[in-house]
Protein backbone atom coordinates (compact mmCIF):
# COMPACT_ATOMS: atom_id res chain seq x y z
CA MET A 1 -35.75 -18.38 15.56
CA LEU A 2 -34.50 -16.49 12.61
CA ASP A 3 -36.08 -17.57 9.41
CA LYS A 4 -32.55 -17.71 7.71
CA PRO A 5 -31.99 -21.63 6.81
CA TYR A 6 -28.43 -20.68 5.90
CA LEU A 7 -27.70 -19.74 9.37
CA ALA A 8 -28.28 -23.27 10.55
CA ARG A 9 -25.91 -24.64 7.81
CA TRP A 10 -23.25 -22.10 9.14
CA LYS A 11 -23.78 -23.37 12.78
CA GLU A 12 -23.28 -27.07 11.51
CA GLN A 13 -20.16 -26.17 9.48
CA ILE A 14 -18.62 -24.53 12.58
CA ASP A 15 -19.59 -27.38 15.07
CA HIS A 16 -17.96 -29.88 12.46
CA SER A 17 -14.82 -27.73 11.85
CA ALA A 18 -11.52 -27.96 13.57
CA GLY A 19 -10.18 -24.67 12.05
CA ALA A 20 -10.54 -21.04 13.41
CA ILE A 21 -14.33 -20.25 13.90
CA TYR A 22 -14.09 -16.87 12.10
CA LEU A 23 -12.39 -18.24 8.94
CA THR A 24 -14.98 -21.34 9.00
CA LEU A 25 -17.63 -18.49 9.08
CA VAL A 26 -16.24 -16.75 6.03
CA ASP A 27 -16.08 -19.88 4.18
CA ALA A 28 -19.66 -20.94 5.08
CA LEU A 29 -20.75 -17.38 3.86
CA ALA A 30 -19.08 -17.70 0.66
CA LEU A 31 -20.55 -21.27 0.19
CA SER A 32 -23.89 -19.85 0.76
CA ILE A 33 -23.37 -17.12 -1.97
CA ARG A 34 -22.21 -19.68 -4.43
CA ARG A 35 -25.28 -21.89 -3.81
CA GLY A 36 -27.61 -19.06 -4.20
CA ASP A 37 -28.85 -19.21 -0.53
CA LEU A 38 -27.65 -15.57 -0.43
CA ARG A 39 -28.00 -13.37 -3.46
CA GLU A 40 -26.24 -10.14 -4.30
CA GLY A 41 -27.63 -7.10 -2.40
CA ASP A 42 -29.08 -9.31 0.27
CA ARG A 43 -28.92 -7.93 3.74
CA LEU A 44 -27.22 -9.97 6.51
CA PRO A 45 -28.58 -10.12 10.06
CA PRO A 46 -26.95 -7.83 12.65
CA GLN A 47 -23.44 -9.34 13.69
CA ARG A 48 -24.79 -9.65 17.46
CA VAL A 49 -27.87 -11.72 16.30
CA ILE A 50 -25.67 -14.02 14.09
CA ALA A 51 -23.35 -14.50 17.18
CA ASP A 52 -26.19 -15.41 19.46
CA PHE A 53 -27.48 -17.82 16.96
CA LEU A 54 -24.09 -19.62 16.42
CA GLY A 55 -23.19 -19.71 19.96
CA THR A 56 -19.96 -17.50 19.52
CA ASN A 57 -18.92 -14.08 20.54
CA LEU A 58 -19.54 -10.84 18.69
CA THR A 59 -15.62 -10.30 18.25
CA THR A 60 -15.44 -13.56 16.33
CA VAL A 61 -18.30 -12.42 13.97
CA THR A 62 -16.75 -9.09 13.58
CA ARG A 63 -13.45 -10.58 12.64
CA ALA A 64 -15.29 -12.97 10.14
CA PHE A 65 -17.13 -9.89 8.55
CA THR A 66 -13.78 -7.98 8.21
CA GLU A 67 -12.20 -10.96 6.47
CA ALA A 68 -15.47 -11.22 4.07
CA ARG A 69 -15.01 -7.71 3.19
CA ARG A 70 -11.36 -8.14 2.41
CA ARG A 71 -12.46 -10.98 0.19
CA GLY A 72 -15.02 -8.95 -1.70
CA LEU A 73 -18.01 -10.96 -0.35
CA VAL A 74 -19.83 -8.07 1.59
CA ASP A 75 -20.11 -4.43 1.90
CA ALA A 76 -20.93 -2.40 4.78
CA THR A 77 -22.98 0.69 4.59
CA VAL A 78 -23.24 3.50 7.15
CA GLY A 79 -26.79 3.24 8.99
CA ARG A 80 -28.01 0.19 6.94
CA GLY A 81 -26.06 -2.79 7.66
CA THR A 82 -24.05 -5.39 5.82
CA PHE A 83 -24.96 -6.64 2.43
CA VAL A 84 -23.82 -9.28 -0.21
CA ARG A 85 -21.62 -7.35 -2.36
CA VAL A 86 -22.59 -6.92 -6.19
CA GLY A 87 -20.29 -9.27 -7.90
CA ALA A 88 -19.48 -11.47 -4.81
CA GLY A 89 -20.29 -14.63 -6.82
CA GLU A 90 -18.09 -13.71 -9.67
CA SER A 91 -14.49 -14.12 -8.08
CA HIS A 92 -13.94 -16.89 -10.81
CA TRP A 93 -13.55 -14.22 -13.59
CA ARG A 94 -9.74 -14.20 -12.86
CA HIS A 95 -9.50 -18.06 -12.89
CA THR A 96 -11.23 -19.44 -16.10
CA GLY A 97 -7.86 -20.51 -17.80
CA PRO A 98 -5.02 -18.73 -19.33
CA ALA A 99 -5.58 -15.73 -21.58
CA VAL A 100 -3.85 -15.10 -24.93
CA VAL A 101 -3.10 -11.55 -24.02
CA ASP A 102 -3.63 -10.27 -20.51
CA LEU A 103 -5.15 -6.84 -20.57
CA THR A 104 -6.00 -6.67 -16.81
CA MET A 105 -2.97 -5.06 -15.33
CA ASN A 106 -2.30 -1.28 -15.51
CA LEU A 107 1.44 -1.62 -16.35
CA PRO A 108 3.50 0.97 -18.27
CA PRO A 109 4.79 -0.74 -21.48
CA ILE A 110 8.40 -1.72 -21.54
CA PRO A 111 10.35 0.71 -23.69
CA GLN A 112 12.54 -0.37 -26.41
CA ASP A 113 14.28 2.88 -26.83
CA PRO A 114 16.13 3.20 -24.51
CA PRO A 115 16.72 -0.36 -24.13
CA LEU A 116 15.47 -1.12 -20.51
CA GLN A 117 17.19 -4.32 -20.13
CA ARG A 118 20.48 -3.35 -21.24
CA MET A 119 20.16 -0.14 -18.97
CA ILE A 120 19.32 -2.10 -15.98
CA GLN A 121 22.21 -4.46 -16.49
CA GLY A 122 24.68 -1.75 -16.78
CA ASP A 123 23.35 0.32 -14.04
CA ILE A 124 23.33 -2.50 -11.56
CA ALA A 125 27.03 -3.25 -12.52
CA ALA A 126 27.92 0.29 -11.86
CA ILE A 127 26.22 0.46 -8.45
CA LEU A 128 27.89 -2.80 -7.30
CA LYS A 129 31.29 -1.37 -8.33
CA GLN A 130 30.70 2.01 -6.69
CA GLN A 131 28.69 1.08 -3.43
CA ASP A 132 29.31 -1.26 -0.53
CA LEU A 133 27.40 -4.61 -1.01
CA ASN A 134 26.57 -4.76 2.77
CA SER A 135 24.88 -1.47 2.69
CA LEU A 136 22.91 -2.34 -0.32
CA MET A 137 21.64 -5.69 1.06
CA SER A 138 21.08 -4.47 4.64
CA TYR A 139 17.89 -2.86 6.18
CA ARG A 140 17.58 0.78 5.03
CA VAL A 141 16.23 3.90 6.49
CA THR A 142 12.46 3.96 6.81
CA GLY A 143 11.13 6.71 4.55
CA GLY A 144 14.38 7.05 2.54
CA THR A 145 17.71 8.75 2.87
CA ILE A 146 17.88 12.51 2.62
CA GLU A 147 19.36 12.29 -0.84
CA GLU A 148 16.50 9.88 -1.85
CA ARG A 149 13.92 12.22 -0.53
CA GLN A 150 15.51 15.19 -2.27
CA LEU A 151 15.37 13.30 -5.65
CA GLY A 152 11.66 12.33 -4.83
CA ALA A 153 10.86 15.92 -4.09
CA LYS A 154 12.34 17.01 -7.42
CA TRP A 155 10.55 14.19 -9.30
CA ILE A 156 7.20 15.29 -8.06
CA ALA A 157 7.69 18.98 -8.14
CA PRO A 158 5.77 19.34 -11.48
CA ALA A 159 2.70 18.23 -9.71
CA VAL A 160 2.88 19.52 -6.29
CA GLY A 161 5.32 22.42 -6.39
CA PRO A 162 8.50 23.02 -4.25
CA ARG A 163 8.40 21.06 -0.80
CA ARG A 164 10.77 20.79 2.13
CA VAL A 165 12.52 17.48 2.39
CA ASP A 166 11.07 16.85 5.87
CA GLU A 167 7.62 16.63 4.29
CA ILE A 168 8.75 13.97 1.75
CA LEU A 169 8.91 10.23 2.24
CA VAL A 170 10.11 7.05 0.03
CA SER A 171 7.69 4.20 0.32
CA PRO A 172 7.94 0.61 -0.95
CA GLY A 173 4.99 1.06 -3.34
CA ALA A 174 1.89 3.25 -3.30
CA GLN A 175 -0.32 0.71 -1.67
CA THR A 176 2.07 0.75 1.29
CA ALA A 177 1.96 4.38 1.41
CA LEU A 178 -1.92 4.58 1.02
CA ALA A 179 -2.28 2.03 3.97
CA ALA A 180 0.13 3.93 6.19
CA ILE A 181 -1.61 7.33 5.60
CA VAL A 182 -5.20 5.85 6.06
CA SER A 183 -4.19 3.88 9.22
CA THR A 184 -2.54 7.01 10.66
CA LEU A 185 -5.64 9.30 10.23
CA ALA A 186 -8.50 7.01 10.66
CA GLN A 187 -9.87 4.60 13.32
CA PRO A 188 -11.82 1.37 12.79
CA GLY A 189 -15.53 2.31 12.02
CA ASP A 190 -14.58 5.63 10.55
CA VAL A 191 -15.99 6.57 7.01
CA ILE A 192 -13.77 7.22 3.89
CA VAL A 193 -15.78 8.83 0.88
CA THR A 194 -14.46 8.01 -2.28
CA ASP A 195 -15.76 7.73 -5.82
CA ARG A 196 -18.56 5.21 -6.32
CA ILE A 197 -16.52 3.64 -9.14
CA ALA A 198 -13.00 3.55 -7.56
CA TYR A 199 -9.64 2.04 -7.45
CA PRO A 200 -9.99 -1.62 -5.74
CA GLY A 201 -6.78 -0.94 -3.62
CA ILE A 202 -8.82 1.59 -1.38
CA ARG A 203 -11.42 -1.31 -0.85
CA THR A 204 -8.60 -3.56 0.46
CA ILE A 205 -7.19 -0.98 2.86
CA ALA A 206 -10.78 -0.35 4.32
CA ALA A 207 -11.36 -4.00 4.82
CA GLN A 208 -7.98 -4.34 6.56
CA PHE A 209 -8.39 -1.51 8.81
CA GLY A 210 -12.22 -1.87 9.61
CA LEU A 211 -13.26 1.24 7.69
CA ILE A 212 -16.42 1.96 5.77
CA LEU A 213 -16.55 3.21 2.31
CA ALA A 214 -19.20 5.80 1.08
CA GLY A 215 -19.29 6.26 -2.87
CA VAL A 216 -19.95 9.39 -4.58
CA ASP A 217 -21.03 9.78 -8.09
CA SER A 218 -19.06 11.28 -10.72
CA ASP A 219 -19.36 13.12 -13.97
CA GLY A 220 -16.92 13.62 -17.01
CA GLU A 221 -14.60 15.66 -14.57
CA GLY A 222 -14.73 13.13 -11.73
CA MET A 223 -16.46 13.47 -8.41
CA VAL A 224 -19.26 15.92 -8.13
CA PRO A 225 -18.73 18.51 -5.39
CA ASP A 226 -22.65 18.76 -4.61
CA LEU A 227 -23.01 15.12 -4.23
CA LEU A 228 -19.61 15.05 -2.15
CA ASP A 229 -21.17 17.80 0.10
CA ARG A 230 -24.22 15.75 0.48
CA ALA A 231 -22.51 12.38 1.32
CA CYS A 232 -20.34 14.31 3.97
CA ALA A 233 -23.35 15.75 5.64
CA GLN A 234 -24.95 12.23 5.68
CA HIS A 235 -21.93 9.94 6.69
CA HIS A 236 -19.59 12.40 8.59
CA PRO A 237 -16.50 10.96 6.89
CA ARG A 238 -12.98 11.21 8.15
CA LEU A 239 -11.20 11.11 4.88
CA LEU A 240 -11.60 11.77 1.24
CA TYR A 241 -9.62 9.32 -1.19
CA CYS A 242 -9.54 10.35 -4.81
CA ILE A 243 -7.50 9.90 -7.98
CA PRO A 244 -7.97 13.56 -9.62
CA THR A 245 -5.94 12.85 -12.75
CA ILE A 246 -6.73 10.15 -15.36
CA HIS A 247 -8.88 8.40 -12.79
CA ASN A 248 -8.66 4.60 -12.39
CA PRO A 249 -10.93 3.34 -14.13
CA THR A 250 -12.98 6.04 -15.54
CA THR A 251 -10.18 8.24 -17.01
CA ALA A 252 -11.72 11.44 -15.76
CA THR A 253 -9.46 14.29 -14.99
CA MET A 254 -10.68 17.12 -12.65
CA SER A 255 -10.46 20.53 -14.19
CA LEU A 256 -8.62 23.34 -11.86
CA GLN A 257 -12.02 24.76 -10.87
CA ARG A 258 -13.39 21.31 -9.99
CA ARG A 259 -10.32 20.77 -7.72
CA ARG A 260 -11.01 23.85 -6.00
CA ASP A 261 -14.55 22.95 -5.48
CA ILE A 262 -13.60 19.53 -4.13
CA LEU A 263 -11.18 21.14 -1.76
CA ALA A 264 -13.82 23.74 -0.57
CA VAL A 265 -16.26 20.86 0.39
CA ALA A 266 -13.35 19.12 2.19
CA GLN A 267 -12.52 22.41 4.08
CA ARG A 268 -16.14 22.90 5.05
CA HIS A 269 -16.42 19.33 6.45
CA HIS A 270 -12.94 19.27 8.10
CA LEU A 271 -11.89 16.26 5.74
CA HIS A 272 -8.31 15.37 5.28
CA VAL A 273 -7.80 14.34 1.58
CA VAL A 274 -5.76 11.37 0.38
CA GLU A 275 -4.59 12.15 -3.19
CA ASP A 276 -3.50 9.20 -5.22
CA ASP A 277 -1.70 10.39 -8.35
CA PRO A 278 -0.30 7.62 -10.35
CA TYR A 279 -0.67 9.25 -13.72
CA SER A 280 -0.35 13.07 -13.86
CA LEU A 281 3.41 12.82 -15.13
CA LEU A 282 2.12 10.99 -18.10
CA MET A 283 0.34 14.10 -19.23
CA ASP A 284 1.51 17.35 -20.86
CA GLY A 285 0.23 20.18 -18.88
CA ALA A 286 -1.68 18.28 -16.15
CA PRO A 287 -3.57 20.47 -13.72
CA PRO A 288 -1.71 21.08 -10.24
CA ALA A 289 -2.25 18.53 -7.77
CA LEU A 290 -4.65 18.92 -4.98
CA ALA A 291 -1.53 18.94 -2.56
CA ALA A 292 -0.42 21.94 -4.49
CA LEU A 293 -3.70 23.80 -3.89
CA ASP A 294 -3.91 22.91 -0.29
CA HIS A 295 -0.76 22.37 1.47
CA ALA A 296 -2.21 21.64 4.82
CA ARG A 297 -5.11 19.39 3.93
CA VAL A 298 -3.72 16.83 1.49
CA SER A 299 -1.53 13.80 1.73
CA TYR A 300 -0.16 12.91 -1.68
CA VAL A 301 1.13 9.72 -3.17
CA ALA A 302 2.88 9.38 -6.70
CA THR A 303 4.03 5.84 -7.60
CA LEU A 304 6.61 5.09 -9.87
CA ALA A 305 4.76 1.82 -10.90
CA LYS A 306 2.81 3.70 -13.60
CA THR A 307 5.36 5.97 -14.82
CA LEU A 308 8.73 3.97 -14.90
CA SER A 309 8.20 0.39 -13.44
CA PRO A 310 6.43 -1.69 -10.82
CA GLY A 311 9.59 -3.31 -10.45
CA LEU A 312 11.22 -0.59 -8.71
CA ARG A 313 8.58 -0.79 -5.67
CA THR A 314 8.88 3.00 -5.11
CA ALA A 315 6.26 5.75 -4.51
CA TYR A 316 7.04 9.22 -3.38
CA VAL A 317 4.94 10.80 -0.53
CA CYS A 318 4.17 14.38 0.03
CA LEU A 319 2.69 15.03 3.53
CA PRO A 320 1.25 18.44 5.09
CA SER A 321 3.90 18.66 7.79
CA ALA A 322 6.95 17.27 9.50
CA ASP A 323 4.96 15.85 12.16
CA MET A 324 2.57 14.01 9.88
CA THR A 325 5.83 12.77 8.07
CA ARG A 326 6.93 11.24 11.38
CA ARG A 327 3.65 9.62 11.98
CA VAL A 328 3.44 8.14 8.49
CA THR A 329 7.00 7.01 8.64
CA ALA A 330 6.16 5.03 11.90
CA ALA A 331 3.24 3.41 10.14
CA ILE A 332 5.30 2.36 6.97
CA ARG A 333 7.82 0.82 9.45
CA ALA A 334 5.14 -1.24 11.05
CA ILE A 335 3.68 -2.27 7.58
CA ALA A 336 6.72 -2.83 5.47
CA LEU A 337 9.81 -1.87 7.54
CA THR A 338 11.77 -0.28 4.67
CA ASN A 339 12.50 0.06 1.06
CA ALA A 340 14.87 -2.56 -0.89
CA GLY A 341 18.50 -1.22 -1.01
CA LEU A 342 19.28 -2.32 -4.37
CA LEU A 343 16.18 -1.24 -5.91
CA GLY A 344 16.54 2.11 -4.06
CA ALA A 345 20.07 2.59 -5.44
CA LEU A 346 18.84 1.84 -9.05
CA THR A 347 15.97 4.28 -8.78
CA ALA A 348 18.27 7.00 -7.23
CA ARG A 349 20.83 6.44 -10.15
CA TRP A 350 17.99 6.71 -12.73
CA MET A 351 16.97 10.03 -11.13
CA GLN A 352 20.56 11.41 -10.85
CA THR A 353 21.54 10.68 -14.37
CA GLY A 354 18.25 11.70 -16.16
CA GLN A 355 17.62 8.26 -17.24
CA ALA A 356 14.15 8.32 -15.28
CA GLY A 357 13.17 11.10 -17.57
CA GLN A 358 14.27 9.20 -20.78
CA ILE A 359 12.18 6.27 -19.62
CA LEU A 360 9.17 8.26 -18.86
CA ASP A 361 9.26 10.13 -22.17
CA ALA A 362 9.43 6.53 -23.94
CA ILE A 363 6.62 5.39 -22.05
CA ARG A 364 4.49 8.47 -22.81
CA ARG A 365 5.24 8.00 -26.51
CA GLU A 366 4.33 4.42 -26.51
CA LEU A 367 1.01 5.09 -24.50
CA ARG A 368 -0.14 7.91 -26.94
CA LEU A 369 0.56 5.31 -29.86
CA ARG A 370 -1.50 2.74 -27.97
CA GLN A 371 -4.41 5.15 -27.10
CA ALA A 372 -4.47 6.06 -30.84
CA ILE A 373 -4.72 2.47 -31.85
CA ALA A 374 -7.59 1.92 -29.18
CA ARG A 375 -9.42 4.93 -30.55
CA THR A 376 -9.22 3.65 -34.15
CA VAL A 377 -10.03 -0.01 -33.35
CA LEU A 378 -12.70 0.61 -30.68
CA GLY A 379 -14.26 3.70 -32.09
CA GLU A 380 -15.95 6.60 -30.00
CA GLY A 381 -18.25 6.40 -27.16
CA HIS A 382 -15.72 4.99 -24.60
CA CYS A 383 -13.91 6.80 -21.68
CA MET A 384 -10.38 7.36 -22.93
CA ASN A 385 -7.65 9.74 -22.14
CA PRO A 386 -5.20 10.18 -24.94
CA GLU A 387 -2.26 10.19 -22.74
CA GLY A 388 -3.40 7.56 -20.11
CA PRO A 389 -2.76 3.69 -19.64
CA HIS A 390 -6.24 2.46 -20.00
CA VAL A 391 -9.65 2.47 -21.56
CA TRP A 392 -13.19 2.52 -19.75
CA LEU A 393 -14.95 0.33 -22.44
CA LYS A 394 -18.84 1.01 -22.74
CA LEU A 395 -20.82 -2.25 -23.37
CA PRO A 396 -23.87 -2.63 -25.45
CA ASP A 397 -27.18 -3.25 -23.75
CA TRP A 398 -27.21 -6.95 -24.14
CA TRP A 399 -23.95 -7.27 -22.21
CA GLY A 400 -23.47 -7.23 -18.57
CA SER A 401 -19.87 -6.50 -17.22
CA ALA A 402 -19.30 -9.90 -15.70
CA ASP A 403 -20.80 -11.93 -18.74
CA PHE A 404 -18.71 -9.90 -21.09
CA VAL A 405 -15.46 -10.60 -19.28
CA ALA A 406 -16.37 -14.39 -18.81
CA TYR A 407 -17.12 -14.67 -22.58
CA ALA A 408 -13.98 -12.74 -23.63
CA ARG A 409 -11.95 -14.95 -21.49
CA ARG A 410 -13.18 -17.73 -23.60
CA ARG A 411 -11.95 -15.96 -26.59
CA GLY A 412 -8.57 -15.47 -25.10
CA LEU A 413 -8.68 -12.15 -23.70
CA ALA A 414 -8.46 -11.11 -20.00
CA LEU A 415 -10.26 -7.88 -18.94
CA VAL A 416 -11.41 -6.50 -15.85
CA PRO A 417 -15.36 -6.13 -15.02
CA SER A 418 -16.72 -3.02 -13.51
CA THR A 419 -17.92 -5.08 -10.42
CA VAL A 420 -14.26 -4.97 -9.25
CA PHE A 421 -14.40 -1.17 -9.09
CA THR A 422 -17.85 -0.56 -7.81
CA ILE A 423 -18.06 0.63 -4.20
CA SER A 424 -21.97 0.95 -3.84
CA GLY A 425 -25.01 0.74 -6.21
CA ASP A 426 -25.13 -1.13 -9.34
CA PRO A 427 -22.11 -1.57 -11.30
CA PRO A 428 -21.95 0.22 -14.80
CA GLN A 429 -22.00 -1.75 -18.19
CA ARG A 430 -18.21 -1.24 -18.59
CA VAL A 431 -14.93 -3.05 -18.39
CA ARG A 432 -11.52 -1.62 -18.11
CA ILE A 433 -8.79 -2.43 -20.81
CA ALA A 434 -5.12 -2.00 -19.56
CA LEU A 435 -3.26 -0.74 -22.88
CA GLY A 436 0.23 -1.05 -21.39
CA SER A 437 0.42 -4.75 -20.61
CA ALA A 438 0.38 -6.11 -24.20
CA ALA A 439 3.77 -7.02 -25.64
CA ASP A 440 3.86 -4.62 -28.39
CA ALA A 441 1.52 -2.30 -30.30
CA GLY A 442 0.79 -5.12 -32.79
CA SER A 443 -0.30 -7.43 -30.20
CA LEU A 444 -2.50 -4.78 -28.68
CA GLU A 445 -4.23 -3.97 -31.86
CA GLU A 446 -4.94 -7.63 -32.59
CA SER A 447 -6.34 -8.08 -29.05
CA LEU A 448 -8.43 -5.12 -29.30
CA ARG A 449 -10.06 -6.32 -32.68
CA GLY A 450 -10.92 -9.30 -30.52
CA VAL A 451 -12.58 -7.25 -28.00
CA VAL A 452 -14.68 -5.64 -30.91
CA SER A 453 -15.65 -9.05 -32.12
CA VAL A 454 -16.98 -9.91 -28.59
CA LEU A 455 -18.83 -6.54 -28.49
CA GLN A 456 -20.67 -7.46 -31.47
CA HIS A 457 -21.46 -10.88 -30.41
CA LYS A 458 -25.21 -10.75 -29.23
CA ARG A 459 -25.52 -13.24 -26.39
CA SER A 460 -28.11 -16.02 -26.82
CA PRO A 461 -30.64 -16.67 -24.13
CA GLY A 462 -29.02 -20.17 -23.69
CA PHE A 463 -25.79 -18.46 -22.53
CA ALA A 464 -26.57 -19.05 -18.96
CA ASP A 465 -23.52 -20.73 -17.84
CA ILE A 466 -21.57 -17.36 -17.86
CA VAL A 467 -22.02 -15.40 -14.77
């Protein structure tokens, strides 16, 4: 018999539960982590061994582990097994009461000039006068109409260059697009290489489709090519996922040479690249997208959620070929069916009239102001891009990421710990601060001064209830 007392408790919970076995098993795993029976980094027995001990089938245990990964409880590492994820016991950081200011969501600030609310009201009224209501409120063409794709191609042209309309799609949000691309190109059990500190949405996608993430370390310019090369030789990945411009959360932006070096590694290992580009239009003179440098290898996603508004639920997708466009269109149809007609009409109107450009310019001005405030209040030593929407805050030695976030929450500040972004290895002593979600610059400055006071607070040994 395995010397794992928690397994006996799992079996007892399953035996006394009337619910689905795989969900009961996930809940039992979560309870073992909360109780301390399993600690962060602990290796779990092989799934077949667990299935035999519990008297269930391997498929049920595999399904449970997939759900556990989706919930952020475990991570799977190629050739090593499944481990309790670092930070698995910290899911409470989001739920410790209301915050005075929520600095967790990377939202663009709502511009006052032009006045967004008045603009939306006027444009919706004009759309309802000019277009048929039945068409607006009905199901739309998956991937967007020809006109919508043409507008999308024009919007992303500064990053990717001119592209044919049959290589462009309109998606209901970037996460839908990323999920569609990944599910089109990868099979369960395949490996995706990404930054070791990465956007959490890729972890959600990997868990949903049974994929394994392998993290690669970065420097000030982003992912290190030699380390990517080594990871590819070790893990034989199917895809590379990256954010080359104003990386979330580290703020790193790849130089042109770094982009070429990364693409050279991808070519050598026959990798398809999924380029997530939420932020390059926020920059003056951003380097060309990877998709502009390697047309045939890169699938590119640019959301409007960070440059205009997440309320539009729109992302533009640029794909290597018409065949790939057809395949990803089918995947989007399976996941989300179509875009919302009224939002699509509003987005198209903004693109046609130039209002989208006005809003983008206003958001860029406001973010530059907020970055200047952040640099003044927080000082040097943190990862910041003067045109970006967030700060990757470095913590002093006495603060761990989860402890800092929990204590800041008690002080009325909501931040995101590094554990949320960590794919593998130890989480860095950093937290992410989103600058766009504060109501205005004054509110942001006040909140950042609160962050500084927490930074300066030296935790006492008795501060053991914050984890």
